[in-house]
């Protein structure tokens, strides 16, 4: 989502412009590690109440009421949201502990200039003249197939994203086979080879923020083994991985900083070829400076690859004391 101008936010809040930038900057800093977003609509939300934010601002020497905070949040594209009955495991205390731990890890890596990437895969896209959700300005509607049959498609595209937090740079790898742990690991390795080692010369540590499930899930053996062999051992990297709690994937930065922008860029436009998909992804831009690189990955990734107990025992895997399944470090052997 593009960042609103200070004039727009000030007008929405009814405050004087000369005071607004300071308040906006303070709110943005407070929300840095407590923001979630919808990758499709781009709308963001926070776990904090307006009263709590106002209280924290007053502690920083900024006198502002809860109503003004609400107006400023709306100007920054935050919205009030109702509860959804989707959480079925884990307590609120566990979730809060994990969010705080991730925030601390991000702050530590950022302070030392170490790379931090947010990763995730999205639903597969049929490549062909099929309906794509969203609207676009045109004099006539684009005619597309009346049914989404795989047999009518050129193929499938499996988007796997990597978002570099410090560089505000996204990388989209579109697979044509299966979303497996090997696919996820290969994409992280590709990012490091193409961009990471050049963007962070001399750095030997990497922080990865990931969802709790999927091809890069917290319990996925092949994901950990792949990182050990292909990233740690081959490139001498020490890799720390922090997984967001179950059903909390919207808090992963890649959701609202990369995927939402790409969804808006190709909304309402048929993804009729791989070239079209790569073009829409790579031309995604925002006023805050987001840039995107896109790649097609034609490698075949078979499903069902098993990792033995013996292979797991050979990993240089160091679980963290807090949430050991969700937070761990892999070191070179």
C-alpha atoms as a PDB file:
ATOM      1  CA  UNK A   1       0.000   0.000   0.000  1.00  0.00           C
ATOM      2  CA  UNK A   2       1.425   3.368  -0.936  1.00  0.00           C
ATOM      3  CA  UNK A   3       2.138   5.664   2.006  1.00  0.00           C
ATOM      4  CA  UNK A   4      -0.293   8.634   2.151  1.00  0.00           C
ATOM      5  CA  UNK A   5       1.140  12.133   2.000  1.00  0.00           C
ATOM      6  CA  UNK A   6       1.507  14.095   5.208  1.00  0.00           C
ATOM      7  CA  UNK A   7      -1.069  16.573   3.885  1.00  0.00           C
ATOM      8  CA  UNK A   8      -3.659  13.808   3.395  1.00  0.00           C
ATOM      9  CA  UNK A   9      -3.068  12.365   6.840  1.00  0.00           C
ATOM     10  CA  UNK A  10      -3.146  15.790   8.447  1.00  0.00           C
ATOM     11  CA  UNK A  11      -6.422  16.624   6.747  1.00  0.00           C
ATOM     12  CA  UNK A  12      -7.954  13.349   7.875  1.00  0.00           C
ATOM     13  CA  UNK A  13      -6.882  13.980  11.443  1.00  0.00           C
ATOM     14  CA  UNK A  14      -7.806  17.668  11.509  1.00  0.00           C
ATOM     15  CA  UNK A  15      -4.428  18.531  12.998  1.00  0.00           C
ATOM     16  CA  UNK A  16      -1.898  21.212  12.116  1.00  0.00           C
ATOM     17  CA  UNK A  17       0.571  20.022   9.494  1.00  0.00           C
ATOM     18  CA  UNK A  18       3.680  21.135  11.357  1.00  0.00           C
ATOM     19  CA  UNK A  19       2.843  18.749  14.195  1.00  0.00           C
ATOM     20  CA  UNK A  20       1.622  15.854  12.085  1.00  0.00           C
ATOM     21  CA  UNK A  21       4.941  14.491  10.727  1.00  0.00           C
ATOM     22  CA  UNK A  22       6.297  14.021  14.246  1.00  0.00           C
ATOM     23  CA  UNK A  23       3.190  12.120  15.327  1.00  0.00           C
ATOM     24  CA  UNK A  24       3.129  10.031  12.139  1.00  0.00           C
ATOM     25  CA  UNK A  25       6.790   9.102  12.573  1.00  0.00           C
ATOM     26  CA  UNK A  26       6.214   8.094  16.194  1.00  0.00           C
ATOM     27  CA  UNK A  27       3.155   5.980  15.330  1.00  0.00           C
ATOM     28  CA  UNK A  28       4.998   4.319  12.454  1.00  0.00           C
ATOM     29  CA  UNK A  29       7.850   3.413  14.780  1.00  0.00           C
ATOM     30  CA  UNK A  30       5.461   2.002  17.385  1.00  0.00           C
ATOM     31  CA  UNK A  31       3.703  -0.069  14.720  1.00  0.00           C
ATOM     32  CA  UNK A  32       6.903  -1.362  13.083  1.00  0.00           C
ATOM     33  CA  UNK A  33       6.681  -4.829  14.638  1.00  0.00           C
ATOM     34  CA  UNK A  34       2.958  -4.940  15.361  1.00  0.00           C
ATOM     35  CA  UNK A  35       1.417  -4.510  11.934  1.00  0.00           C
ATOM     36  CA  UNK A  36      -0.416  -7.114   9.889  1.00  0.00           C
ATOM     37  CA  UNK A  37      -1.950  -6.809   6.460  1.00  0.00           C
ATOM     38  CA  UNK A  38      -4.127  -8.444   3.841  1.00  0.00           C
ATOM     39  CA  UNK A  39      -2.030  -9.376   0.783  1.00  0.00           C
ATOM     40  CA  UNK A  40      -5.061  -8.981  -1.484  1.00  0.00           C
ATOM     41  CA  UNK A  41      -6.659  -5.712  -0.296  1.00  0.00           C
ATOM     42  CA  UNK A  42      -3.581  -4.025   1.154  1.00  0.00           C
ATOM     43  CA  UNK A  43      -5.468  -3.003   4.324  1.00  0.00           C
ATOM     44  CA  UNK A  44      -3.350  -3.064   7.485  1.00  0.00           C
ATOM     45  CA  UNK A  45      -4.231  -3.465  11.156  1.00  0.00           C
ATOM     46  CA  UNK A  46      -2.522  -3.521  14.536  1.00  0.00           C
ATOM     47  CA  UNK A  47      -2.914  -5.349  17.837  1.00  0.00           C
ATOM     48  CA  UNK A  48      -2.735  -2.077  19.822  1.00  0.00           C
ATOM     49  CA  UNK A  49      -5.739   0.028  20.857  1.00  0.00           C
ATOM     50  CA  UNK A  50      -5.813   3.755  20.105  1.00  0.00           C
ATOM     51  CA  UNK A  51      -5.781   4.456  23.850  1.00  0.00           C
ATOM     52  CA  UNK A  52      -2.648   2.358  24.282  1.00  0.00           C
ATOM     53  CA  UNK A  53      -0.934   4.085  21.355  1.00  0.00           C
ATOM     54  CA  UNK A  54      -1.851   7.514  22.751  1.00  0.00           C
ATOM     55  CA  UNK A  55      -0.432   6.466  26.130  1.00  0.00           C
ATOM     56  CA  UNK A  56       2.834   5.353  24.514  1.00  0.00           C
ATOM     57  CA  UNK A  57       3.042   8.611  22.578  1.00  0.00           C
ATOM     58  CA  UNK A  58       2.569  10.632  25.758  1.00  0.00           C
ATOM     59  CA  UNK A  59       5.440   8.656  27.285  1.00  0.00           C
ATOM     60  CA  UNK A  60       7.525   9.922  24.350  1.00  0.00           C
ATOM     61  CA  UNK A  61       6.489  13.514  25.052  1.00  0.00           C
ATOM     62  CA  UNK A  62       3.798  13.755  22.354  1.00  0.00           C
ATOM     63  CA  UNK A  63       0.418  14.880  23.693  1.00  0.00           C
ATOM     64  CA  UNK A  64      -2.321  13.407  21.515  1.00  0.00           C
ATOM     65  CA  UNK A  65      -5.744  11.923  22.251  1.00  0.00           C
ATOM     66  CA  UNK A  66      -7.063   8.505  21.242  1.00  0.00           C
ATOM     67  CA  UNK A  67      -9.485  10.008  18.698  1.00  0.00           C
ATOM     68  CA  UNK A  68      -6.653  11.764  16.872  1.00  0.00           C
ATOM     69  CA  UNK A  69      -4.655   8.528  16.859  1.00  0.00           C
ATOM     70  CA  UNK A  70      -7.641   6.766  15.270  1.00  0.00           C
ATOM     71  CA  UNK A  71      -7.849   9.377  12.489  1.00  0.00           C
ATOM     72  CA  UNK A  72      -4.116   9.190  11.843  1.00  0.00           C
ATOM     73  CA  UNK A  73      -4.231   5.387  11.697  1.00  0.00           C
ATOM     74  CA  UNK A  74      -7.036   5.584   9.150  1.00  0.00           C
ATOM     75  CA  UNK A  75      -4.941   7.984   7.080  1.00  0.00           C
ATOM     76  CA  UNK A  76      -2.120   5.424   7.201  1.00  0.00           C
ATOM     77  CA  UNK A  77      -4.493   2.736   5.819  1.00  0.00           C
ATOM     78  CA  UNK A  78      -5.217   0.944   9.081  1.00  0.00           C
ATOM     79  CA  UNK A  79      -8.781  -0.266   9.663  1.00  0.00           C
ATOM     80  CA  UNK A  80     -10.929  -1.525  12.514  1.00  0.00           C
ATOM     81  CA  UNK A  81     -11.498  -5.253  12.153  1.00  0.00           C
ATOM     82  CA  UNK A  82     -13.808  -7.727  13.853  1.00  0.00           C
ATOM     83  CA  UNK A  83     -12.680 -11.008  15.384  1.00  0.00           C
ATOM     84  CA  UNK A  84     -12.678 -14.146  13.253  1.00  0.00           C
ATOM     85  CA  UNK A  85     -12.974 -17.648  14.688  1.00  0.00           C
ATOM     86  CA  UNK A  86      -9.884 -19.084  13.035  1.00  0.00           C
ATOM     87  CA  UNK A  87      -7.419 -19.736  15.869  1.00  0.00           C
ATOM     88  CA  UNK A  88      -7.545 -23.290  17.168  1.00  0.00           C
ATOM     89  CA  UNK A  89      -4.191 -23.825  18.843  1.00  0.00           C
ATOM     90  CA  UNK A  90      -1.944 -21.953  21.230  1.00  0.00           C
ATOM     91  CA  UNK A  91      -2.707 -19.355  23.872  1.00  0.00           C
ATOM     92  CA  UNK A  92      -2.680 -15.579  23.521  1.00  0.00           C
ATOM     93  CA  UNK A  93       0.266 -15.476  25.933  1.00  0.00           C
ATOM     94  CA  UNK A  94       2.272 -17.782  23.653  1.00  0.00           C
ATOM     95  CA  UNK A  95       1.440 -15.632  20.643  1.00  0.00           C
ATOM     96  CA  UNK A  96       2.432 -12.418  22.422  1.00  0.00           C
ATOM     97  CA  UNK A  97       5.693 -14.008  23.565  1.00  0.00           C
ATOM     98  CA  UNK A  98       6.528 -15.049  20.016  1.00  0.00           C
ATOM     99  CA  UNK A  99       5.692 -11.627  18.567  1.00  0.00           C
ATOM    100  CA  UNK A 100       7.923  -9.971  21.164  1.00  0.00           C
ATOM    101  CA  UNK A 101      10.726 -12.445  20.455  1.00  0.00           C
ATOM    102  CA  UNK A 102      10.551 -11.828  16.711  1.00  0.00           C
ATOM    103  CA  UNK A 103      10.605  -8.074  17.309  1.00  0.00           C
ATOM    104  CA  UNK A 104      13.726  -8.441  19.478  1.00  0.00           C
ATOM    105  CA  UNK A 105      15.476 -10.561  16.835  1.00  0.00           C
ATOM    106  CA  UNK A 106      14.638  -8.037  14.130  1.00  0.00           C
ATOM    107  CA  UNK A 107      15.978  -5.179  16.224  1.00  0.00           C
ATOM    108  CA  UNK A 108      19.229  -7.030  16.972  1.00  0.00           C
ATOM    109  CA  UNK A 109      19.910  -7.999  13.364  1.00  0.00           C
ATOM    110  CA  UNK A 110      18.971  -4.538  12.113  1.00  0.00           C
ATOM    111  CA  UNK A 111      21.253  -2.818  14.627  1.00  0.00           C
ATOM    112  CA  UNK A 112      24.215  -4.837  13.354  1.00  0.00           C
ATOM    113  CA  UNK A 113      23.393  -4.306   9.679  1.00  0.00           C
ATOM    114  CA  UNK A 114      22.638  -8.003   9.127  1.00  0.00           C
ATOM    115  CA  UNK A 115      20.176  -9.151   6.435  1.00  0.00           C
ATOM    116  CA  UNK A 116      16.553  -9.889   7.372  1.00  0.00           C
ATOM    117  CA  UNK A 117      14.214 -11.511   4.858  1.00  0.00           C
ATOM    118  CA  UNK A 118      10.510 -12.332   5.080  1.00  0.00           C
ATOM    119  CA  UNK A 119       9.416 -15.326   3.004  1.00  0.00           C
ATOM    120  CA  UNK A 120       6.176 -16.998   1.953  1.00  0.00           C
ATOM    121  CA  UNK A 121       4.456 -18.763  -0.916  1.00  0.00           C
ATOM    122  CA  UNK A 122       1.012 -17.873  -2.308  1.00  0.00           C
ATOM    123  CA  UNK A 123      -1.745 -19.772  -4.075  1.00  0.00           C
ATOM    124  CA  UNK A 124      -1.000 -21.115  -7.509  1.00  0.00           C
ATOM    125  CA  UNK A 125      -2.102 -19.124 -10.537  1.00  0.00           C
ATOM    126  CA  UNK A 126      -3.432 -20.668 -13.744  1.00  0.00           C
ATOM    127  CA  UNK A 127      -1.543 -19.270 -16.716  1.00  0.00           C
ATOM    128  CA  UNK A 128      -4.002 -18.485 -19.484  1.00  0.00           C
ATOM    129  CA  UNK A 129      -6.967 -16.362 -20.477  1.00  0.00           C
ATOM    130  CA  UNK A 130      -8.759 -16.750 -17.146  1.00  0.00           C
ATOM    131  CA  UNK A 131     -10.574 -14.284 -14.903  1.00  0.00           C
ATOM    132  CA  UNK A 132      -8.344 -12.502 -12.414  1.00  0.00           C
ATOM    133  CA  UNK A 133      -9.985 -10.856  -9.409  1.00  0.00           C
ATOM    134  CA  UNK A 134     -10.092  -7.071  -9.297  1.00  0.00           C
ATOM    135  CA  UNK A 135     -11.033  -4.216 -11.602  1.00  0.00           C
ATOM    136  CA  UNK A 136      -9.201  -2.068 -14.126  1.00  0.00           C
ATOM    137  CA  UNK A 137     -10.024   1.076 -16.111  1.00  0.00           C
ATOM    138  CA  UNK A 138     -10.928   0.309 -19.717  1.00  0.00           C
ATOM    139  CA  UNK A 139     -13.542   1.203 -22.317  1.00  0.00           C
ATOM    140  CA  UNK A 140     -14.587  -2.420 -22.761  1.00  0.00           C
ATOM    141  CA  UNK A 141     -14.322  -5.468 -20.477  1.00  0.00           C
ATOM    142  CA  UNK A 142     -11.679  -8.054 -21.277  1.00  0.00           C
ATOM    143  CA  UNK A 143     -13.251 -11.330 -22.406  1.00  0.00           C
ATOM    144  CA  UNK A 144     -11.908 -14.395 -20.625  1.00  0.00           C
ATOM    145  CA  UNK A 145     -12.742 -18.105 -20.492  1.00  0.00           C
ATOM    146  CA  UNK A 146     -16.036 -18.905 -18.786  1.00  0.00           C
ATOM    147  CA  UNK A 147     -14.445 -21.782 -16.839  1.00  0.00           C
ATOM    148  CA  UNK A 148     -11.048 -22.220 -15.198  1.00  0.00           C
ATOM    149  CA  UNK A 149     -10.037 -25.613 -16.542  1.00  0.00           C
ATOM    150  CA  UNK A 150      -6.437 -26.694 -16.032  1.00  0.00           C
ATOM    151  CA  UNK A 151      -6.551 -28.358 -19.437  1.00  0.00           C
ATOM    152  CA  UNK A 152      -7.013 -24.902 -21.026  1.00  0.00           C
ATOM    153  CA  UNK A 153      -4.009 -23.420 -19.197  1.00  0.00           C
ATOM    154  CA  UNK A 154      -0.516 -22.945 -20.527  1.00  0.00           C
ATOM    155  CA  UNK A 155       0.637 -24.139 -17.126  1.00  0.00           C
ATOM    156  CA  UNK A 156       0.671 -23.064 -13.490  1.00  0.00           C
ATOM    157  CA  UNK A 157       2.680 -20.431 -11.660  1.00  0.00           C
ATOM    158  CA  UNK A 158       3.553 -20.948  -8.000  1.00  0.00           C
ATOM    159  CA  UNK A 159       4.584 -17.572  -6.513  1.00  0.00           C
ATOM    160  CA  UNK A 160       7.286 -17.761  -3.849  1.00  0.00           C
ATOM    161  CA  UNK A 161       8.265 -14.403  -2.416  1.00  0.00           C
ATOM    162  CA  UNK A 162      11.285 -13.085  -0.553  1.00  0.00           C
ATOM    163  CA  UNK A 163      11.182  -9.580   0.893  1.00  0.00           C
ATOM    164  CA  UNK A 164      14.385  -7.849   2.013  1.00  0.00           C
ATOM    165  CA  UNK A 165      13.246  -5.598   4.873  1.00  0.00           C
ATOM    166  CA  UNK A 166      16.225  -3.233   4.962  1.00  0.00           C
ATOM    167  CA  UNK A 167      16.433  -2.768   1.177  1.00  0.00           C
ATOM    168  CA  UNK A 168      12.630  -2.629   0.662  1.00  0.00           C
ATOM    169  CA  UNK A 169      13.193  -4.995  -2.248  1.00  0.00           C
ATOM    170  CA  UNK A 170      11.048  -7.969  -3.214  1.00  0.00           C
ATOM    171  CA  UNK A 171      11.941 -11.068  -5.189  1.00  0.00           C
ATOM    172  CA  UNK A 172       9.286 -13.292  -6.806  1.00  0.00           C
ATOM    173  CA  UNK A 173      10.131 -16.796  -7.990  1.00  0.00           C
ATOM    174  CA  UNK A 174       7.388 -18.437 -10.045  1.00  0.00           C
ATOM    175  CA  UNK A 175       7.633 -22.216  -9.997  1.00  0.00           C
ATOM    176  CA  UNK A 176       5.992 -24.491 -12.544  1.00  0.00           C
ATOM    177  CA  UNK A 177       6.084 -27.756 -10.582  1.00  0.00           C
ATOM    178  CA  UNK A 178       5.271 -28.146  -6.867  1.00  0.00           C
ATOM    179  CA  UNK A 179       5.638 -25.936  -3.787  1.00  0.00           C
ATOM    180  CA  UNK A 180       8.019 -28.163  -1.830  1.00  0.00           C
ATOM    181  CA  UNK A 181      10.672 -27.537   0.816  1.00  0.00           C
ATOM    182  CA  UNK A 182      13.356 -27.964  -1.860  1.00  0.00           C
ATOM    183  CA  UNK A 183      11.665 -25.242  -3.939  1.00  0.00           C
ATOM    184  CA  UNK A 184      11.601 -22.921  -0.905  1.00  0.00           C
ATOM    185  CA  UNK A 185      15.257 -23.547  -0.038  1.00  0.00           C
ATOM    186  CA  UNK A 186      16.396 -23.142  -3.646  1.00  0.00           C
ATOM    187  CA  UNK A 187      14.675 -19.753  -3.826  1.00  0.00           C
ATOM    188  CA  UNK A 188      16.397 -18.520  -0.667  1.00  0.00           C
ATOM    189  CA  UNK A 189      19.714 -19.722  -2.107  1.00  0.00           C
ATOM    190  CA  UNK A 190      18.934 -17.966  -5.395  1.00  0.00           C
ATOM    191  CA  UNK A 191      18.225 -14.748  -3.509  1.00  0.00           C
ATOM    192  CA  UNK A 192      21.548 -15.020  -1.668  1.00  0.00           C
ATOM    193  CA  UNK A 193      23.491 -15.741  -4.869  1.00  0.00           C
ATOM    194  CA  UNK A 194      21.761 -13.060  -6.947  1.00  0.00           C
ATOM    195  CA  UNK A 195      21.452 -10.291  -4.373  1.00  0.00           C
ATOM    196  CA  UNK A 196      22.189 -11.173  -0.744  1.00  0.00           C
ATOM    197  CA  UNK A 197      25.941 -11.603  -0.794  1.00  0.00           C
ATOM    198  CA  UNK A 198      26.358  -8.475  -2.925  1.00  0.00           C
ATOM    199  CA  UNK A 199      23.943  -6.370  -0.887  1.00  0.00           C
ATOM    200  CA  UNK A 200      25.467  -7.506   2.430  1.00  0.00           C
ATOM    201  CA  UNK A 201      29.177  -8.046   1.730  1.00  0.00           C
ATOM    202  CA  UNK A 202      31.106  -9.696   4.527  1.00  0.00           C
ATOM    203  CA  UNK A 203      27.977 -10.625   6.511  1.00  0.00           C
ATOM    204  CA  UNK A 204      27.773 -14.220   7.700  1.00  0.00           C
ATOM    205  CA  UNK A 205      24.417 -14.196   9.520  1.00  0.00           C
ATOM    206  CA  UNK A 206      20.878 -14.163   8.145  1.00  0.00           C
ATOM    207  CA  UNK A 207      17.469 -13.842   9.821  1.00  0.00           C
ATOM    208  CA  UNK A 208      14.492 -15.475   8.092  1.00  0.00           C
ATOM    209  CA  UNK A 209      10.889 -14.664   9.064  1.00  0.00           C
ATOM    210  CA  UNK A 210       8.482 -17.386   7.935  1.00  0.00           C
ATOM    211  CA  UNK A 211       4.995 -18.739   8.485  1.00  0.00           C
ATOM    212  CA  UNK A 212       4.480 -21.699  10.776  1.00  0.00           C
ATOM    213  CA  UNK A 213       3.415 -24.127   8.032  1.00  0.00           C
ATOM    214  CA  UNK A 214       3.791 -24.860   4.358  1.00  0.00           C
ATOM    215  CA  UNK A 215       6.936 -25.690   2.421  1.00  0.00           C
ATOM    216  CA  UNK A 216       9.061 -23.672   4.888  1.00  0.00           C
ATOM    217  CA  UNK A 217       7.126 -24.718   7.983  1.00  0.00           C
ATOM    218  CA  UNK A 218       8.491 -24.957  11.511  1.00  0.00           C
ATOM    219  CA  UNK A 219       8.175 -28.773  11.544  1.00  0.00           C
ATOM    220  CA  UNK A 220       9.286 -29.400   7.955  1.00  0.00           C
ATOM    221  CA  UNK A 221      12.426 -31.536   8.080  1.00  0.00           C
ATOM    222  CA  UNK A 222      13.377 -31.078   4.438  1.00  0.00           C
ATOM    223  CA  UNK A 223      13.328 -27.284   4.900  1.00  0.00           C
ATOM    224  CA  UNK A 224      15.849 -27.436   7.742  1.00  0.00           C
ATOM    225  CA  UNK A 225      18.046 -30.004   6.017  1.00  0.00           C
ATOM    226  CA  UNK A 226      18.029 -27.937   2.828  1.00  0.00           C
ATOM    227  CA  UNK A 227      19.068 -24.775   4.667  1.00  0.00           C
ATOM    228  CA  UNK A 228      21.864 -26.685   6.387  1.00  0.00           C
ATOM    229  CA  UNK A 229      23.310 -28.183   3.207  1.00  0.00           C
ATOM    230  CA  UNK A 230      22.677 -25.507   0.614  1.00  0.00           C
ATOM    231  CA  UNK A 231      22.979 -22.282   2.612  1.00  0.00           C
ATOM    232  CA  UNK A 232      24.925 -22.875   5.816  1.00  0.00           C
ATOM    233  CA  UNK A 233      27.484 -25.454   4.663  1.00  0.00           C
ATOM    234  CA  UNK A 234      27.917 -24.195   1.105  1.00  0.00           C
ATOM    235  CA  UNK A 235      28.005 -20.453   1.839  1.00  0.00           C
ATOM    236  CA  UNK A 236      29.234 -20.408   5.448  1.00  0.00           C
ATOM    237  CA  UNK A 237      26.098 -18.655   6.702  1.00  0.00           C
ATOM    238  CA  UNK A 238      24.635 -18.887  10.175  1.00  0.00           C
ATOM    239  CA  UNK A 239      20.873 -18.827   9.629  1.00  0.00           C
ATOM    240  CA  UNK A 240      18.304 -17.934  12.303  1.00  0.00           C
ATOM    241  CA  UNK A 241      14.673 -18.762  11.516  1.00  0.00           C
ATOM    242  CA  UNK A 242      11.667 -17.358  13.392  1.00  0.00           C
ATOM    243  CA  UNK A 243       8.217 -18.727  12.557  1.00  0.00           C
ATOM    244  CA  UNK A 244       5.029 -16.782  13.179  1.00  0.00           C
ATOM    245  CA  UNK A 245       2.365 -18.515  15.305  1.00  0.00           C
ATOM    246  CA  UNK A 246      -0.365 -20.603  13.731  1.00  0.00           C
ATOM    247  CA  UNK A 247      -2.965 -18.481  11.891  1.00  0.00           C
ATOM    248  CA  UNK A 248      -0.795 -15.362  12.254  1.00  0.00           C
ATOM    249  CA  UNK A 249       0.688 -15.309   8.757  1.00  0.00           C
ATOM    250  CA  UNK A 250      -0.810 -11.862   8.047  1.00  0.00           C
ATOM    251  CA  UNK A 251       1.773 -10.417  10.462  1.00  0.00           C
ATOM    252  CA  UNK A 252       4.612 -11.620   8.261  1.00  0.00           C
ATOM    253  CA  UNK A 253       5.944  -8.401   6.620  1.00  0.00           C
ATOM    254  CA  UNK A 254       5.944  -9.884   3.119  1.00  0.00           C
ATOM    255  CA  UNK A 255       2.136 -10.088   3.157  1.00  0.00           C
ATOM    256  CA  UNK A 256       1.428  -6.359   3.310  1.00  0.00           C
ATOM    257  CA  UNK A 257       4.708  -4.997   1.944  1.00  0.00           C
ATOM    258  CA  UNK A 258       5.091  -7.145  -1.186  1.00  0.00           C
ATOM    259  CA  UNK A 259       2.215  -9.494  -2.016  1.00  0.00           C
ATOM    260  CA  UNK A 260      -0.495  -6.859  -1.544  1.00  0.00           C
ATOM    261  CA  UNK A 261       1.267  -4.507  -3.964  1.00  0.00           C
ATOM    262  CA  UNK A 262       1.663  -7.199  -6.628  1.00  0.00           C
ATOM    263  CA  UNK A 263      -2.000  -8.205  -6.254  1.00  0.00           C
ATOM    264  CA  UNK A 264      -3.003  -4.590  -6.891  1.00  0.00           C
ATOM    265  CA  UNK A 265      -0.673  -4.260  -9.865  1.00  0.00           C
ATOM    266  CA  UNK A 266      -2.200  -7.184 -11.771  1.00  0.00           C
ATOM    267  CA  UNK A 267      -5.757  -6.900 -10.398  1.00  0.00           C
ATOM    268  CA  UNK A 268      -8.394  -7.412 -13.076  1.00  0.00           C
ATOM    269  CA  UNK A 269      -5.846  -8.412 -15.730  1.00  0.00           C
ATOM    270  CA  UNK A 270      -5.743 -11.966 -17.104  1.00  0.00           C
ATOM    271  CA  UNK A 271      -2.433 -13.692 -16.420  1.00  0.00           C
ATOM    272  CA  UNK A 272      -2.367 -15.068 -19.960  1.00  0.00           C
ATOM    273  CA  UNK A 273       1.340 -15.965 -20.177  1.00  0.00           C
ATOM    274  CA  UNK A 274       4.419 -16.397 -18.030  1.00  0.00           C
ATOM    275  CA  UNK A 275       5.833 -13.264 -19.610  1.00  0.00           C
ATOM    276  CA  UNK A 276       2.762 -11.318 -18.463  1.00  0.00           C
ATOM    277  CA  UNK A 277       3.106 -12.612 -14.900  1.00  0.00           C
ATOM    278  CA  UNK A 278       6.816 -11.785 -14.708  1.00  0.00           C
ATOM    279  CA  UNK A 279       6.204  -8.331 -16.147  1.00  0.00           C
ATOM    280  CA  UNK A 280       3.434  -7.408 -13.715  1.00  0.00           C
ATOM    281  CA  UNK A 281       5.531  -8.612 -10.782  1.00  0.00           C
ATOM    282  CA  UNK A 282       8.741  -6.844 -11.812  1.00  0.00           C
ATOM    283  CA  UNK A 283       7.001  -3.533 -12.610  1.00  0.00           C
ATOM    284  CA  UNK A 284       5.372  -3.285  -9.180  1.00  0.00           C
ATOM    285  CA  UNK A 285       6.429  -0.034  -7.504  1.00  0.00           C
ATOM    286  CA  UNK A 286       5.296   2.084  -4.544  1.00  0.00           C
ATOM    287  CA  UNK A 287       5.902   5.663  -3.443  1.00  0.00           C
ATOM    288  CA  UNK A 288       7.950   4.301  -0.531  1.00  0.00           C
ATOM    289  CA  UNK A 289      10.524   2.883  -2.964  1.00  0.00           C
ATOM    290  CA  UNK A 290       9.600  -0.787  -3.287  1.00  0.00           C
ATOM    291  CA  UNK A 291      11.325  -2.573  -6.161  1.00  0.00           C
ATOM    292  CA  UNK A 292      10.673  -6.120  -7.348  1.00  0.00           C
ATOM    293  CA  UNK A 293      12.650  -8.691  -9.322  1.00  0.00           C
ATOM    294  CA  UNK A 294      10.837 -11.683 -10.817  1.00  0.00           C
ATOM    295  CA  UNK A 295      12.101 -15.028 -12.096  1.00  0.00           C
ATOM    296  CA  UNK A 296      10.658 -18.139 -13.711  1.00  0.00           C
ATOM    297  CA  UNK A 297      11.782 -21.439 -12.168  1.00  0.00           C
ATOM    298  CA  UNK A 298      11.248 -24.423 -14.481  1.00  0.00           C
ATOM    299  CA  UNK A 299      12.919 -26.976 -12.192  1.00  0.00           C
ATOM    300  CA  UNK A 300      10.849 -30.064 -11.378  1.00  0.00           C
ATOM    301  CA  UNK A 301      10.340 -30.539  -7.634  1.00  0.00           C
ATOM    302  CA  UNK A 302       8.947 -33.985  -6.740  1.00  0.00           C
ATOM    303  CA  UNK A 303       6.712 -34.303  -3.706  1.00  0.00           C
ATOM    304  CA  UNK A 304       7.068 -36.783  -0.856  1.00  0.00           C
ATOM    305  CA  UNK A 305      10.829 -36.552  -0.275  1.00  0.00           C
ATOM    306  CA  UNK A 306      11.618 -38.030   3.146  1.00  0.00           C
ATOM    307  CA  UNK A 307      14.319 -36.992   5.620  1.00  0.00           C
ATOM    308  CA  UNK A 308      15.598 -39.661   8.017  1.00  0.00           C
ATOM    309  CA  UNK A 309      16.236 -39.351  11.744  1.00  0.00           C
ATOM    310  CA  UNK A 310      19.934 -39.899  11.060  1.00  0.00           C
ATOM    311  CA  UNK A 311      20.026 -36.918   8.687  1.00  0.00           C
ATOM    312  CA  UNK A 312      18.299 -34.732  11.266  1.00  0.00           C
ATOM    313  CA  UNK A 313      20.797 -35.732  13.948  1.00  0.00           C
ATOM    314  CA  UNK A 314      23.636 -34.432  11.762  1.00  0.00           C
ATOM    315  CA  UNK A 315      22.203 -30.927  11.569  1.00  0.00           C
ATOM    316  CA  UNK A 316      23.909 -28.109  13.446  1.00  0.00           C
ATOM    317  CA  UNK A 317      20.478 -27.131  14.746  1.00  0.00           C
ATOM    318  CA  UNK A 318      20.319 -24.955  17.864  1.00  0.00           C
ATOM    319  CA  UNK A 319      16.779 -24.407  19.196  1.00  0.00           C
ATOM    320  CA  UNK A 320      16.248 -21.185  21.097  1.00  0.00           C
ATOM    321  CA  UNK A 321      15.088 -21.298  24.700  1.00  0.00           C
ATOM    322  CA  UNK A 322      11.854 -19.447  23.858  1.00  0.00           C
ATOM    323  CA  UNK A 323       9.485 -21.327  21.530  1.00  0.00           C
ATOM    324  CA  UNK A 324      12.236 -23.790  20.430  1.00  0.00           C
ATOM    325  CA  UNK A 325      10.190 -25.216  17.534  1.00  0.00           C
ATOM    326  CA  UNK A 326       9.502 -21.762  16.119  1.00  0.00           C
ATOM    327  CA  UNK A 327      12.934 -20.239  16.717  1.00  0.00           C
ATOM    328  CA  UNK A 328      16.203 -21.957  15.860  1.00  0.00           C
ATOM    329  CA  UNK A 329      19.626 -21.320  14.382  1.00  0.00           C
ATOM    330  CA  UNK A 330      21.502 -23.458  11.862  1.00  0.00           C
ATOM    331  CA  UNK A 331      25.315 -23.159  11.792  1.00  0.00           C
ATOM    332  CA  UNK A 332      27.847 -24.269   9.161  1.00  0.00           C
ATOM    333  CA  UNK A 333      29.313 -27.723   9.732  1.00  0.00           C
END
